[in-house]
Amino acid sequence: MDSASRRTIFLRQAALVACLAFFAAPPTVFAQQKGYRPLPRYVQTAPPDQAEGNRILEQFRRMGIAGDHFLEFELRVMPRRGAERRVPGRLWGGRTALGPIWRFVLLPGQGMAERRWLIQNGPQPALWGWSPATPERTQILGGQALFDPIAETDLTAFDLQMPFFYWTDHVFEGVTRVRGRPAQVFLLYPPADFAARHPSLSGVRVYLDLEYHALVQAEQLGADGRVAKAMTVIDLKKVGSQWIVKSIDVRDEATRNKTRFSVTGAALELDFSNSLFDPAMLAETLAPPARIVRIVP
């Protein structure tokens, strides 16, 4: 056998070995090759009890405003450069068998048309949208629409939906202090299919108030594991017997732009018709409840 034939046989054997090694490699190898996976930052010297972390997250998922509710709010857009502007909006909230759900409406004015979204949270999140461009049709949204800025603000449907609280791959990092209060810290990893569609998001780190079990801060981690966007709860407000979020800051770390979500009115303990959260109902204009508690800045 001449040298050329032996070289051909060797190359074929090498290719076969490489192919077998590829298919024999564990799934974690491919996950690591596809995208960066941030490492946990344990607050204490030893990793905390992960079973306890699972219990805390499960408890948080069951919490929220009791009953159906209505909020009036304002988005204060604060760019690093340029003039500020304010966008009013309304939110109808409730809970279905699939989890929390919100009808989110913006009334931007200033030459911008009204926009409406229906946002389903839970293990099977979903998103629908409506605009005057197609007034008789509601569209199911997905993919990049989750991360598109809403009405030229720093807020996105992903920020509102917060599907990461239902991601099953997560690590309890321990208890630290945020804004002077103790908070439980979790690092949550996106499911493989979500990560493949959105490689710029490698995970979300969340901080939950130890006493009130409420969200304090959520940090979206970029492809390199660094904070790309932060959502911080500024203050709460008690309305009747319930505490609700009064204001939240959403900050883009790359542009340094910020949008503040501030509640200006609330009506709690309501009972909406189930049809209100039907996607087809987005095409219908709804009036706010008759009695709204005004919330001053």
C-alpha atoms as a PDB file:
ATOM      1  CA  MET A   1       0.000   0.000   0.000  1.00  0.00           C
ATOM      2  CA  ASP A   2       1.513   3.322  -1.035  1.00  0.00           C
ATOM      3  CA  SER A   3       1.811   6.334   1.314  1.00  0.00           C
ATOM      4  CA  ALA A   4      -1.075   8.186  -0.336  1.00  0.00           C
ATOM      5  CA  SER A   5      -3.479   5.279   0.323  1.00  0.00           C
ATOM      6  CA  ARG A   6      -2.366   4.944   3.932  1.00  0.00           C
ATOM      7  CA  ARG A   7      -2.892   8.703   4.446  1.00  0.00           C
ATOM      8  CA  THR A   8      -6.423   8.469   3.021  1.00  0.00           C
ATOM      9  CA  ILE A   9      -7.312   5.571   5.352  1.00  0.00           C
ATOM     10  CA  PHE A  10      -5.869   7.471   8.350  1.00  0.00           C
ATOM     11  CA  LEU A  11      -7.908  10.587   7.598  1.00  0.00           C
ATOM     12  CA  ARG A  12     -11.099   8.532   7.268  1.00  0.00           C
ATOM     13  CA  GLN A  13     -10.470   6.820  10.604  1.00  0.00           C
ATOM     14  CA  ALA A  14      -9.750  10.158  12.296  1.00  0.00           C
ATOM     15  CA  ALA A  15     -12.977  11.615  10.941  1.00  0.00           C
ATOM     16  CA  LEU A  16     -14.934   8.582  12.217  1.00  0.00           C
ATOM     17  CA  VAL A  17     -13.405   8.908  15.702  1.00  0.00           C
ATOM     18  CA  ALA A  18     -14.230  12.623  15.787  1.00  0.00           C
ATOM     19  CA  CYS A  19     -17.807  11.916  14.739  1.00  0.00           C
ATOM     20  CA  LEU A  20     -18.244   9.263  17.428  1.00  0.00           C
ATOM     21  CA  ALA A  21     -16.763  11.588  20.047  1.00  0.00           C
ATOM     22  CA  PHE A  22     -19.178  14.327  18.996  1.00  0.00           C
ATOM     23  CA  PHE A  23     -22.234  12.152  19.508  1.00  0.00           C
ATOM     24  CA  ALA A  24     -20.860  10.574  22.687  1.00  0.00           C
ATOM     25  CA  ALA A  25     -20.154  13.928  24.380  1.00  0.00           C
ATOM     26  CA  PRO A  26     -22.443  14.793  27.311  1.00  0.00           C
ATOM     27  CA  PRO A  27     -25.178  17.444  26.691  1.00  0.00           C
ATOM     28  CA  THR A  28     -23.493  19.868  29.087  1.00  0.00           C
ATOM     29  CA  VAL A  29     -20.528  20.131  26.737  1.00  0.00           C
ATOM     30  CA  PHE A  30     -22.740  21.400  23.931  1.00  0.00           C
ATOM     31  CA  ALA A  31     -24.552  23.776  26.293  1.00  0.00           C
ATOM     32  CA  GLN A  32     -21.235  25.276  27.286  1.00  0.00           C
ATOM     33  CA  GLN A  33     -20.173  25.578  23.647  1.00  0.00           C
ATOM     34  CA  LYS A  34     -23.419  27.281  22.630  1.00  0.00           C
ATOM     35  CA  GLY A  35     -23.361  30.061  25.207  1.00  0.00           C
ATOM     36  CA  TYR A  36     -21.856  31.374  28.390  1.00  0.00           C
ATOM     37  CA  ARG A  37     -23.301  30.084  31.654  1.00  0.00           C
ATOM     38  CA  PRO A  38     -22.627  32.420  34.607  1.00  0.00           C
ATOM     39  CA  LEU A  39     -21.244  30.753  37.705  1.00  0.00           C
ATOM     40  CA  PRO A  40     -23.092  31.151  41.023  1.00  0.00           C
ATOM     41  CA  ARG A  41     -21.779  33.751  43.464  1.00  0.00           C
ATOM     42  CA  TYR A  42     -22.507  32.201  46.823  1.00  0.00           C
ATOM     43  CA  VAL A  43     -22.944  34.844  49.499  1.00  0.00           C
ATOM     44  CA  GLN A  44     -21.854  32.567  52.344  1.00  0.00           C
ATOM     45  CA  THR A  45     -18.767  30.342  52.390  1.00  0.00           C
ATOM     46  CA  ALA A  46     -20.810  27.192  51.751  1.00  0.00           C
ATOM     47  CA  PRO A  47     -23.672  26.811  49.241  1.00  0.00           C
ATOM     48  CA  PRO A  48     -27.054  27.272  50.968  1.00  0.00           C
ATOM     49  CA  ASP A  49     -29.740  24.609  51.105  1.00  0.00           C
ATOM     50  CA  GLN A  50     -31.067  24.323  47.539  1.00  0.00           C
ATOM     51  CA  ALA A  51     -34.234  22.553  48.692  1.00  0.00           C
ATOM     52  CA  GLU A  52     -34.972  25.610  50.824  1.00  0.00           C
ATOM     53  CA  GLY A  53     -34.364  27.782  47.770  1.00  0.00           C
ATOM     54  CA  ASN A  54     -36.898  25.776  45.794  1.00  0.00           C
ATOM     55  CA  ARG A  55     -39.439  26.285  48.567  1.00  0.00           C
ATOM     56  CA  ILE A  56     -38.816  30.063  48.620  1.00  0.00           C
ATOM     57  CA  LEU A  57     -39.284  30.385  44.858  1.00  0.00           C
ATOM     58  CA  GLU A  58     -42.425  28.265  44.907  1.00  0.00           C
ATOM     59  CA  GLN A  59     -43.847  30.468  47.660  1.00  0.00           C
ATOM     60  CA  PHE A  60     -43.016  33.614  45.665  1.00  0.00           C
ATOM     61  CA  ARG A  61     -44.781  32.251  42.580  1.00  0.00           C
ATOM     62  CA  ARG A  62     -48.002  31.928  44.560  1.00  0.00           C
ATOM     63  CA  MET A  63     -47.849  35.484  45.874  1.00  0.00           C
ATOM     64  CA  GLY A  64     -49.074  38.703  44.315  1.00  0.00           C
ATOM     65  CA  ILE A  65     -51.961  41.121  44.625  1.00  0.00           C
ATOM     66  CA  ALA A  66     -54.977  39.212  45.916  1.00  0.00           C
ATOM     67  CA  GLY A  67     -57.916  39.219  43.530  1.00  0.00           C
ATOM     68  CA  ASP A  68     -58.327  41.108  40.279  1.00  0.00           C
ATOM     69  CA  HIS A  69     -56.934  44.636  40.244  1.00  0.00           C
ATOM     70  CA  PHE A  70     -56.548  47.779  38.176  1.00  0.00           C
ATOM     71  CA  LEU A  71     -53.604  50.184  38.149  1.00  0.00           C
ATOM     72  CA  GLU A  72     -53.090  53.550  36.517  1.00  0.00           C
ATOM     73  CA  PHE A  73     -49.436  54.331  36.014  1.00  0.00           C
ATOM     74  CA  GLU A  74     -46.938  56.599  34.334  1.00  0.00           C
ATOM     75  CA  LEU A  75     -43.699  55.750  32.569  1.00  0.00           C
ATOM     76  CA  ARG A  76     -41.141  58.475  33.106  1.00  0.00           C
ATOM     77  CA  VAL A  77     -38.536  58.105  30.357  1.00  0.00           C
ATOM     78  CA  MET A  78     -35.197  59.499  31.516  1.00  0.00           C
ATOM     79  CA  PRO A  79     -32.551  59.228  28.789  1.00  0.00           C
ATOM     80  CA  ARG A  80     -28.920  59.920  29.617  1.00  0.00           C
ATOM     81  CA  ARG A  81     -29.033  62.629  26.972  1.00  0.00           C
ATOM     82  CA  GLY A  82     -32.090  64.467  25.760  1.00  0.00           C
ATOM     83  CA  ALA A  83     -35.379  65.580  27.204  1.00  0.00           C
ATOM     84  CA  GLU A  84     -37.495  63.521  29.579  1.00  0.00           C
ATOM     85  CA  ARG A  85     -41.033  62.519  28.671  1.00  0.00           C
ATOM     86  CA  ARG A  86     -43.946  60.775  30.373  1.00  0.00           C
ATOM     87  CA  VAL A  87     -46.227  58.068  29.021  1.00  0.00           C
ATOM     88  CA  PRO A  88     -49.498  57.285  30.867  1.00  0.00           C
ATOM     89  CA  GLY A  89     -50.911  53.794  30.969  1.00  0.00           C
ATOM     90  CA  ARG A  90     -53.395  51.379  32.510  1.00  0.00           C
ATOM     91  CA  LEU A  91     -53.114  47.800  33.731  1.00  0.00           C
ATOM     92  CA  TRP A  92     -55.798  45.205  34.441  1.00  0.00           C
ATOM     93  CA  GLY A  93     -54.391  42.272  36.414  1.00  0.00           C
ATOM     94  CA  GLY A  94     -55.618  38.886  37.516  1.00  0.00           C
ATOM     95  CA  ARG A  95     -54.734  35.207  37.582  1.00  0.00           C
ATOM     96  CA  THR A  96     -55.790  32.330  35.339  1.00  0.00           C
ATOM     97  CA  ALA A  97     -55.204  28.599  35.683  1.00  0.00           C
ATOM     98  CA  LEU A  98     -51.905  29.206  33.861  1.00  0.00           C
ATOM     99  CA  GLY A  99     -50.661  31.893  36.236  1.00  0.00           C
ATOM    100  CA  PRO A 100     -50.683  35.715  36.578  1.00  0.00           C
ATOM    101  CA  ILE A 101     -51.969  37.702  33.602  1.00  0.00           C
ATOM    102  CA  TRP A 102     -52.001  41.417  32.734  1.00  0.00           C
ATOM    103  CA  ARG A 103     -53.731  43.582  30.164  1.00  0.00           C
ATOM    104  CA  PHE A 104     -51.201  46.410  29.676  1.00  0.00           C
ATOM    105  CA  VAL A 105     -52.219  49.571  27.804  1.00  0.00           C
ATOM    106  CA  LEU A 106     -50.123  52.625  26.892  1.00  0.00           C
ATOM    107  CA  LEU A 107     -51.638  55.977  25.912  1.00  0.00           C
ATOM    108  CA  PRO A 108     -48.522  57.781  24.682  1.00  0.00           C
ATOM    109  CA  GLY A 109     -50.060  60.651  22.695  1.00  0.00           C
ATOM    110  CA  GLN A 110     -47.608  63.118  21.115  1.00  0.00           C
ATOM    111  CA  GLY A 111     -48.182  61.563  17.697  1.00  0.00           C
ATOM    112  CA  MET A 112     -47.877  57.971  18.977  1.00  0.00           C
ATOM    113  CA  ALA A 113     -50.867  55.648  18.805  1.00  0.00           C
ATOM    114  CA  GLU A 114     -52.312  53.681  21.705  1.00  0.00           C
ATOM    115  CA  ARG A 115     -50.824  50.194  22.169  1.00  0.00           C
ATOM    116  CA  ARG A 116     -52.166  47.186  24.066  1.00  0.00           C
ATOM    117  CA  TRP A 117     -50.594  43.941  25.238  1.00  0.00           C
ATOM    118  CA  LEU A 118     -51.906  40.831  26.968  1.00  0.00           C
ATOM    119  CA  ILE A 119     -49.145  39.257  29.037  1.00  0.00           C
ATOM    120  CA  GLN A 120     -49.513  35.727  30.417  1.00  0.00           C
ATOM    121  CA  ASN A 121     -46.957  34.664  33.006  1.00  0.00           C
ATOM    122  CA  GLY A 122     -46.431  31.179  34.422  1.00  0.00           C
ATOM    123  CA  PRO A 123     -44.728  27.969  33.278  1.00  0.00           C
ATOM    124  CA  GLN A 124     -46.166  28.526  29.780  1.00  0.00           C
ATOM    125  CA  PRO A 125     -45.825  32.289  29.195  1.00  0.00           C
ATOM    126  CA  ALA A 126     -47.468  33.956  26.218  1.00  0.00           C
ATOM    127  CA  LEU A 127     -47.746  37.435  24.738  1.00  0.00           C
ATOM    128  CA  TRP A 128     -50.306  39.104  22.483  1.00  0.00           C
ATOM    129  CA  GLY A 129     -50.348  42.612  21.040  1.00  0.00           C
ATOM    130  CA  TRP A 130     -52.792  45.054  19.452  1.00  0.00           C
ATOM    131  CA  SER A 131     -52.272  48.339  17.622  1.00  0.00           C
ATOM    132  CA  PRO A 132     -54.504  50.679  15.596  1.00  0.00           C
ATOM    133  CA  ALA A 133     -52.628  49.576  12.482  1.00  0.00           C
ATOM    134  CA  THR A 134     -54.633  46.322  12.600  1.00  0.00           C
ATOM    135  CA  PRO A 135     -57.604  47.341  14.782  1.00  0.00           C
ATOM    136  CA  GLU A 136     -59.649  44.198  14.243  1.00  0.00           C
ATOM    137  CA  ARG A 137     -56.871  41.700  14.819  1.00  0.00           C
ATOM    138  CA  THR A 138     -54.879  40.651  17.875  1.00  0.00           C
ATOM    139  CA  GLN A 139     -51.443  39.214  17.164  1.00  0.00           C
ATOM    140  CA  ILE A 140     -49.582  36.604  19.167  1.00  0.00           C
ATOM    141  CA  LEU A 141     -46.036  37.862  19.696  1.00  0.00           C
ATOM    142  CA  GLY A 142     -42.819  36.013  20.373  1.00  0.00           C
ATOM    143  CA  GLY A 143     -39.152  35.874  19.544  1.00  0.00           C
ATOM    144  CA  GLN A 144     -37.507  39.274  19.397  1.00  0.00           C
ATOM    145  CA  ALA A 145     -40.798  41.036  20.234  1.00  0.00           C
ATOM    146  CA  LEU A 146     -40.145  40.108  23.871  1.00  0.00           C
ATOM    147  CA  PHE A 147     -37.121  42.399  23.933  1.00  0.00           C
ATOM    148  CA  ASP A 148     -38.292  45.244  21.694  1.00  0.00           C
ATOM    149  CA  PRO A 149     -38.615  48.591  23.543  1.00  0.00           C
ATOM    150  CA  ILE A 150     -42.213  49.487  24.355  1.00  0.00           C
ATOM    151  CA  ALA A 151     -43.239  52.932  23.043  1.00  0.00           C
ATOM    152  CA  GLU A 152     -39.586  54.031  22.829  1.00  0.00           C
ATOM    153  CA  THR A 153     -38.980  53.449  26.536  1.00  0.00           C
ATOM    154  CA  ASP A 154     -36.469  51.141  28.256  1.00  0.00           C
ATOM    155  CA  LEU A 155     -39.286  48.780  29.194  1.00  0.00           C
ATOM    156  CA  THR A 156     -39.868  45.536  27.265  1.00  0.00           C
ATOM    157  CA  ALA A 157     -42.495  42.811  27.348  1.00  0.00           C
ATOM    158  CA  PHE A 158     -39.850  40.539  28.927  1.00  0.00           C
ATOM    159  CA  ASP A 159     -39.517  43.010  31.820  1.00  0.00           C
ATOM    160  CA  LEU A 160     -43.278  42.925  32.355  1.00  0.00           C
ATOM    161  CA  GLN A 161     -43.729  39.202  31.897  1.00  0.00           C
ATOM    162  CA  MET A 162     -40.767  38.145  34.080  1.00  0.00           C
ATOM    163  CA  PRO A 163     -40.885  34.514  32.872  1.00  0.00           C
ATOM    164  CA  PHE A 164     -37.585  33.796  34.621  1.00  0.00           C
ATOM    165  CA  PHE A 165     -39.382  33.205  37.916  1.00  0.00           C
ATOM    166  CA  TYR A 166     -40.718  29.979  36.397  1.00  0.00           C
ATOM    167  CA  TRP A 167     -37.419  28.746  34.935  1.00  0.00           C
ATOM    168  CA  THR A 168     -36.619  25.405  36.550  1.00  0.00           C
ATOM    169  CA  ASP A 169     -32.818  25.659  36.320  1.00  0.00           C
ATOM    170  CA  HIS A 170     -31.706  27.933  39.169  1.00  0.00           C
ATOM    171  CA  VAL A 171     -29.304  28.252  42.089  1.00  0.00           C
ATOM    172  CA  PHE A 172     -30.015  29.704  45.535  1.00  0.00           C
ATOM    173  CA  GLU A 173     -26.976  31.882  46.290  1.00  0.00           C
ATOM    174  CA  GLY A 174     -27.808  32.836  49.875  1.00  0.00           C
ATOM    175  CA  VAL A 175     -28.852  35.944  51.800  1.00  0.00           C
ATOM    176  CA  THR A 176     -27.285  39.389  51.346  1.00  0.00           C
ATOM    177  CA  ARG A 177     -28.323  43.001  51.903  1.00  0.00           C
ATOM    178  CA  VAL A 178     -29.864  45.203  49.225  1.00  0.00           C
ATOM    179  CA  ARG A 179     -30.855  48.797  49.938  1.00  0.00           C
ATOM    180  CA  GLY A 180     -30.204  48.148  53.613  1.00  0.00           C
ATOM    181  CA  ARG A 181     -32.521  45.122  53.878  1.00  0.00           C
ATOM    182  CA  PRO A 182     -31.777  41.365  53.874  1.00  0.00           C
ATOM    183  CA  ALA A 183     -32.630  39.689  50.591  1.00  0.00           C
ATOM    184  CA  GLN A 184     -32.517  36.143  49.246  1.00  0.00           C
ATOM    185  CA  VAL A 185     -30.511  35.843  46.027  1.00  0.00           C
ATOM    186  CA  PHE A 186     -31.188  33.474  43.127  1.00  0.00           C
ATOM    187  CA  LEU A 187     -29.438  32.942  39.803  1.00  0.00           C
ATOM    188  CA  LEU A 188     -31.892  31.645  37.192  1.00  0.00           C
ATOM    189  CA  TYR A 189     -30.852  30.134  33.864  1.00  0.00           C
ATOM    190  CA  PRO A 190     -33.022  30.227  30.712  1.00  0.00           C
ATOM    191  CA  PRO A 191     -34.297  26.951  29.221  1.00  0.00           C
ATOM    192  CA  ALA A 192     -32.243  25.587  26.314  1.00  0.00           C
ATOM    193  CA  ASP A 193     -34.761  26.594  23.628  1.00  0.00           C
ATOM    194  CA  PHE A 194     -35.062  30.128  25.029  1.00  0.00           C
ATOM    195  CA  ALA A 195     -31.266  30.457  25.311  1.00  0.00           C
ATOM    196  CA  ALA A 196     -30.856  29.342  21.695  1.00  0.00           C
ATOM    197  CA  ARG A 197     -33.260  32.063  20.505  1.00  0.00           C
ATOM    198  CA  HIS A 198     -31.836  34.760  22.789  1.00  0.00           C
ATOM    199  CA  PRO A 199     -28.088  34.128  23.231  1.00  0.00           C
ATOM    200  CA  SER A 200     -27.537  37.678  24.534  1.00  0.00           C
ATOM    201  CA  LEU A 201     -29.256  36.690  27.817  1.00  0.00           C
ATOM    202  CA  SER A 202     -27.222  34.213  29.873  1.00  0.00           C
ATOM    203  CA  GLY A 203     -29.273  34.408  33.072  1.00  0.00           C
ATOM    204  CA  VAL A 204     -31.188  36.571  35.535  1.00  0.00           C
ATOM    205  CA  ARG A 205     -30.159  37.243  39.130  1.00  0.00           C
ATOM    206  CA  VAL A 206     -33.036  38.188  41.436  1.00  0.00           C
ATOM    207  CA  TYR A 207     -33.211  39.504  44.996  1.00  0.00           C
ATOM    208  CA  LEU A 208     -36.284  38.797  47.143  1.00  0.00           C
ATOM    209  CA  ASP A 209     -36.962  40.679  50.375  1.00  0.00           C
ATOM    210  CA  LEU A 210     -36.457  38.252  53.251  1.00  0.00           C
ATOM    211  CA  GLU A 211     -39.367  39.609  55.317  1.00  0.00           C
ATOM    212  CA  TYR A 212     -41.976  40.529  52.700  1.00  0.00           C
ATOM    213  CA  HIS A 213     -40.983  37.921  50.067  1.00  0.00           C
ATOM    214  CA  ALA A 214     -41.301  40.655  47.441  1.00  0.00           C
ATOM    215  CA  LEU A 215     -39.032  41.386  44.497  1.00  0.00           C
ATOM    216  CA  VAL A 216     -36.319  43.920  45.336  1.00  0.00           C
ATOM    217  CA  GLN A 217     -34.182  43.763  42.205  1.00  0.00           C
ATOM    218  CA  ALA A 218     -33.727  41.728  39.012  1.00  0.00           C
ATOM    219  CA  GLU A 219     -30.529  41.852  36.957  1.00  0.00           C
ATOM    220  CA  GLN A 220     -30.490  40.560  33.388  1.00  0.00           C
ATOM    221  CA  LEU A 221     -27.060  39.136  32.586  1.00  0.00           C
ATOM    222  CA  GLY A 222     -25.608  39.546  29.117  1.00  0.00           C
ATOM    223  CA  ALA A 223     -23.740  37.007  27.013  1.00  0.00           C
ATOM    224  CA  ASP A 224     -20.603  37.685  29.083  1.00  0.00           C
ATOM    225  CA  GLY A 225     -22.362  37.313  32.428  1.00  0.00           C
ATOM    226  CA  ARG A 226     -22.244  41.010  33.255  1.00  0.00           C
ATOM    227  CA  VAL A 227     -25.344  43.000  34.203  1.00  0.00           C
ATOM    228  CA  ALA A 228     -26.931  44.319  31.011  1.00  0.00           C
ATOM    229  CA  LYS A 229     -30.144  45.630  32.522  1.00  0.00           C
ATOM    230  CA  ALA A 230     -31.424  46.123  36.051  1.00  0.00           C
ATOM    231  CA  MET A 231     -34.955  46.453  37.389  1.00  0.00           C
ATOM    232  CA  THR A 232     -35.123  47.877  40.925  1.00  0.00           C
ATOM    233  CA  VAL A 233     -38.172  48.317  43.143  1.00  0.00           C
ATOM    234  CA  ILE A 234     -37.929  51.831  44.616  1.00  0.00           C
ATOM    235  CA  ASP A 235     -40.842  51.832  47.048  1.00  0.00           C
ATOM    236  CA  LEU A 236     -44.124  50.189  47.995  1.00  0.00           C
ATOM    237  CA  LYS A 237     -47.534  51.568  48.902  1.00  0.00           C
ATOM    238  CA  LYS A 238     -50.262  50.150  51.134  1.00  0.00           C
ATOM    239  CA  VAL A 239     -53.719  50.358  49.556  1.00  0.00           C
ATOM    240  CA  GLY A 240     -56.407  49.111  51.892  1.00  0.00           C
ATOM    241  CA  SER A 241     -54.998  45.966  53.471  1.00  0.00           C
ATOM    242  CA  GLN A 242     -52.571  45.163  50.669  1.00  0.00           C
ATOM    243  CA  TRP A 243     -49.087  46.309  49.726  1.00  0.00           C
ATOM    244  CA  ILE A 244     -48.416  47.057  46.063  1.00  0.00           C
ATOM    245  CA  VAL A 245     -45.399  48.301  44.156  1.00  0.00           C
ATOM    246  CA  LYS A 246     -45.425  52.076  43.895  1.00  0.00           C
ATOM    247  CA  SER A 247     -42.417  52.651  41.622  1.00  0.00           C
ATOM    248  CA  ILE A 248     -39.794  50.627  39.753  1.00  0.00           C
ATOM    249  CA  ASP A 249     -36.697  51.791  37.881  1.00  0.00           C
ATOM    250  CA  VAL A 250     -35.609  49.968  34.715  1.00  0.00           C
ATOM    251  CA  ARG A 251     -32.035  50.844  33.734  1.00  0.00           C
ATOM    252  CA  ASP A 252     -30.098  49.887  30.603  1.00  0.00           C
ATOM    253  CA  GLU A 253     -26.464  49.529  31.650  1.00  0.00           C
ATOM    254  CA  ALA A 254     -25.111  50.048  28.106  1.00  0.00           C
ATOM    255  CA  THR A 255     -26.942  53.297  27.301  1.00  0.00           C
ATOM    256  CA  ARG A 256     -27.371  54.409  30.958  1.00  0.00           C
ATOM    257  CA  ASN A 257     -30.949  55.320  30.053  1.00  0.00           C
ATOM    258  CA  LYS A 258     -33.658  54.749  32.644  1.00  0.00           C
ATOM    259  CA  THR A 259     -37.446  54.428  32.696  1.00  0.00           C
ATOM    260  CA  ARG A 260     -39.424  54.728  35.927  1.00  0.00           C
ATOM    261  CA  PHE A 261     -42.741  52.910  36.297  1.00  0.00           C
ATOM    262  CA  SER A 262     -44.864  54.790  38.867  1.00  0.00           C
ATOM    263  CA  VAL A 263     -48.365  53.807  39.995  1.00  0.00           C
ATOM    264  CA  THR A 264     -50.678  56.822  40.201  1.00  0.00           C
ATOM    265  CA  GLY A 265     -53.963  55.085  41.030  1.00  0.00           C
ATOM    266  CA  ALA A 266     -55.212  51.667  42.110  1.00  0.00           C
ATOM    267  CA  ALA A 267     -58.418  49.680  42.542  1.00  0.00           C
ATOM    268  CA  LEU A 268     -58.041  46.335  44.320  1.00  0.00           C
ATOM    269  CA  GLU A 269     -60.182  43.334  45.252  1.00  0.00           C
ATOM    270  CA  LEU A 270     -62.130  43.502  41.996  1.00  0.00           C
ATOM    271  CA  ASP A 271     -63.849  40.687  40.128  1.00  0.00           C
ATOM    272  CA  PHE A 272     -63.338  40.855  36.371  1.00  0.00           C
ATOM    273  CA  SER A 273     -65.160  38.744  33.839  1.00  0.00           C
ATOM    274  CA  ASN A 274     -63.008  35.889  32.531  1.00  0.00           C
ATOM    275  CA  SER A 275     -63.471  37.263  29.017  1.00  0.00           C
ATOM    276  CA  LEU A 276     -61.484  40.392  29.926  1.00  0.00           C
ATOM    277  CA  PHE A 277     -58.276  38.355  29.560  1.00  0.00           C
ATOM    278  CA  ASP A 278     -59.303  36.746  26.287  1.00  0.00           C
ATOM    279  CA  PRO A 279     -56.749  37.791  23.618  1.00  0.00           C
ATOM    280  CA  ALA A 280     -59.569  38.786  21.272  1.00  0.00           C
ATOM    281  CA  MET A 281     -60.710  41.354  23.850  1.00  0.00           C
ATOM    282  CA  LEU A 282     -57.572  43.423  23.235  1.00  0.00           C
ATOM    283  CA  ALA A 283     -59.401  44.973  20.297  1.00  0.00           C
ATOM    284  CA  GLU A 284     -62.066  46.291  22.698  1.00  0.00           C
ATOM    285  CA  THR A 285     -61.583  49.569  24.566  1.00  0.00           C
ATOM    286  CA  LEU A 286     -62.165  49.215  28.310  1.00  0.00           C
ATOM    287  CA  ALA A 287     -63.165  51.911  30.778  1.00  0.00           C
ATOM    288  CA  PRO A 288     -61.373  52.037  34.135  1.00  0.00           C
ATOM    289  CA  PRO A 289     -63.243  51.118  37.344  1.00  0.00           C
ATOM    290  CA  ALA A 290     -65.457  53.780  38.892  1.00  0.00           C
ATOM    291  CA  ARG A 291     -63.539  53.986  42.172  1.00  0.00           C
ATOM    292  CA  ILE A 292     -59.789  54.432  42.094  1.00  0.00           C
ATOM    293  CA  VAL A 293     -57.524  55.254  45.030  1.00  0.00           C
ATOM    294  CA  ARG A 294     -55.215  58.044  43.924  1.00  0.00           C
ATOM    295  CA  ILE A 295     -51.539  57.628  44.833  1.00  0.00           C
ATOM    296  CA  VAL A 296     -49.544  60.827  45.151  1.00  0.00           C
ATOM    297  CA  PRO A 297     -45.820  60.897  44.322  1.00  0.00           C
END
